[in-house]
Amino acid sequence: MMTSSERYKKANEFLKRRFGEPHSICQAWLSRITNGPPVKSNNGEVLREFADDVRGCLETHRAMGKLAN
């Protein structure tokens, strides 16, 4: 099992290989969390995965300097 920072690093490496451009990486994260399937509050596993994706999106945007202060 990977820690959050390990998951972030792996996801970021994957996105860089797949998309290359920082804008594309950020857009891919946003699309993943906004265009995914609906998350029901009674499905803990899906809710946890969604929360991990939101965190990954936030950490990626922060690391790339794409968040307003």
C-alpha atoms as a PDB file:
ATOM      1  CA  MET A   1       0.000   0.000   0.000  1.00  0.00           C
ATOM      2  CA  MET A   2       1.377   3.398  -1.001  1.00  0.00           C
ATOM      3  CA  THR A   3       1.235   6.581   1.004  1.00  0.00           C
ATOM      4  CA  SER A   4      -0.530   9.637  -0.413  1.00  0.00           C
ATOM      5  CA  SER A   5       2.773  11.221  -1.401  1.00  0.00           C
ATOM      6  CA  GLU A   6       3.867   8.030  -3.167  1.00  0.00           C
ATOM      7  CA  ARG A   7       0.544   7.873  -5.045  1.00  0.00           C
ATOM      8  CA  TYR A   8       0.913  11.528  -5.999  1.00  0.00           C
ATOM      9  CA  LYS A   9       4.449  10.963  -7.286  1.00  0.00           C
ATOM     10  CA  LYS A  10       3.405   7.914  -9.330  1.00  0.00           C
ATOM     11  CA  ALA A  11       0.341   9.682 -10.739  1.00  0.00           C
ATOM     12  CA  ASN A  12       2.363  12.754 -11.629  1.00  0.00           C
ATOM     13  CA  GLU A  13       5.016  10.650 -13.391  1.00  0.00           C
ATOM     14  CA  PHE A  14       2.306   8.824 -15.323  1.00  0.00           C
ATOM     15  CA  LEU A  15       0.614  12.055 -16.370  1.00  0.00           C
ATOM     16  CA  LYS A  16       3.913  13.610 -17.447  1.00  0.00           C
ATOM     17  CA  ARG A  17       4.671  10.576 -19.601  1.00  0.00           C
ATOM     18  CA  ARG A  18       1.178  10.495 -21.042  1.00  0.00           C
ATOM     19  CA  PHE A  19       0.469  14.176 -21.585  1.00  0.00           C
ATOM     20  CA  GLY A  20       3.759  16.035 -21.141  1.00  0.00           C
ATOM     21  CA  GLU A  21       2.451  19.571 -20.905  1.00  0.00           C
ATOM     22  CA  PRO A  22       1.580  20.993 -17.458  1.00  0.00           C
ATOM     23  CA  HIS A  23      -1.711  22.372 -18.766  1.00  0.00           C
ATOM     24  CA  SER A  24      -2.702  18.941 -20.057  1.00  0.00           C
ATOM     25  CA  ILE A  25      -1.795  17.349 -16.743  1.00  0.00           C
ATOM     26  CA  CYS A  26      -3.941  19.800 -14.784  1.00  0.00           C
ATOM     27  CA  GLN A  27      -6.810  19.431 -17.246  1.00  0.00           C
ATOM     28  CA  ALA A  28      -6.662  15.638 -17.014  1.00  0.00           C
ATOM     29  CA  TRP A  29      -7.010  15.803 -13.222  1.00  0.00           C
ATOM     30  CA  LEU A  30      -9.927  18.228 -13.429  1.00  0.00           C
ATOM     31  CA  SER A  31     -11.670  16.065 -16.011  1.00  0.00           C
ATOM     32  CA  ARG A  32     -11.182  12.988 -13.869  1.00  0.00           C
ATOM     33  CA  ILE A  33     -12.878  14.505 -10.834  1.00  0.00           C
ATOM     34  CA  THR A  34     -15.619  16.431 -12.640  1.00  0.00           C
ATOM     35  CA  ASN A  35     -16.582  13.924 -15.342  1.00  0.00           C
ATOM     36  CA  GLY A  36     -16.404  10.733 -13.300  1.00  0.00           C
ATOM     37  CA  PRO A  37     -19.383   8.701 -12.223  1.00  0.00           C
ATOM     38  CA  PRO A  38     -21.646   9.982  -9.462  1.00  0.00           C
ATOM     39  CA  VAL A  39     -20.405   9.229  -5.959  1.00  0.00           C
ATOM     40  CA  LYS A  40     -23.000   8.021  -3.490  1.00  0.00           C
ATOM     41  CA  SER A  41     -22.381   8.718   0.178  1.00  0.00           C
ATOM     42  CA  ASN A  42     -23.174   5.124   1.134  1.00  0.00           C
ATOM     43  CA  ASN A  43     -20.368   3.667  -1.031  1.00  0.00           C
ATOM     44  CA  GLY A  44     -17.276   4.100   1.127  1.00  0.00           C
ATOM     45  CA  GLU A  45     -14.795   2.636  -1.362  1.00  0.00           C
ATOM     46  CA  VAL A  46     -15.884   4.880  -4.251  1.00  0.00           C
ATOM     47  CA  LEU A  47     -16.059   7.885  -1.932  1.00  0.00           C
ATOM     48  CA  ARG A  48     -12.509   7.196  -0.713  1.00  0.00           C
ATOM     49  CA  GLU A  49     -11.243   6.870  -4.312  1.00  0.00           C
ATOM     50  CA  PHE A  50     -12.906  10.157  -5.218  1.00  0.00           C
ATOM     51  CA  ALA A  51     -11.338  11.856  -2.186  1.00  0.00           C
ATOM     52  CA  ASP A  52      -7.918  10.496  -3.235  1.00  0.00           C
ATOM     53  CA  ASP A  53      -8.446  11.875  -6.746  1.00  0.00           C
ATOM     54  CA  VAL A  54      -9.432  15.301  -5.393  1.00  0.00           C
ATOM     55  CA  ARG A  55      -6.319  15.312  -3.213  1.00  0.00           C
ATOM     56  CA  GLY A  56      -4.153  14.270  -6.169  1.00  0.00           C
ATOM     57  CA  CYS A  57      -5.661  17.060  -8.255  1.00  0.00           C
ATOM     58  CA  LEU A  58      -5.050  19.613  -5.531  1.00  0.00           C
ATOM     59  CA  GLU A  59      -1.474  18.467  -4.899  1.00  0.00           C
ATOM     60  CA  THR A  60      -0.677  18.474  -8.615  1.00  0.00           C
ATOM     61  CA  HIS A  61      -2.067  21.976  -9.111  1.00  0.00           C
ATOM     62  CA  ARG A  62      -0.221  23.211  -6.028  1.00  0.00           C
ATOM     63  CA  ALA A  63       3.082  21.625  -7.130  1.00  0.00           C
ATOM     64  CA  MET A  64       2.749  23.207 -10.562  1.00  0.00           C
ATOM     65  CA  GLY A  65       1.937  26.626  -9.146  1.00  0.00           C
ATOM     66  CA  LYS A  66      -1.540  26.631 -10.663  1.00  0.00           C
ATOM     67  CA  LEU A  67      -3.478  27.594  -7.517  1.00  0.00           C
ATOM     68  CA  ALA A  68      -4.334  31.159  -6.604  1.00  0.00           C
ATOM     69  CA  ASN A  69      -3.156  32.200  -3.140  1.00  0.00           C
END
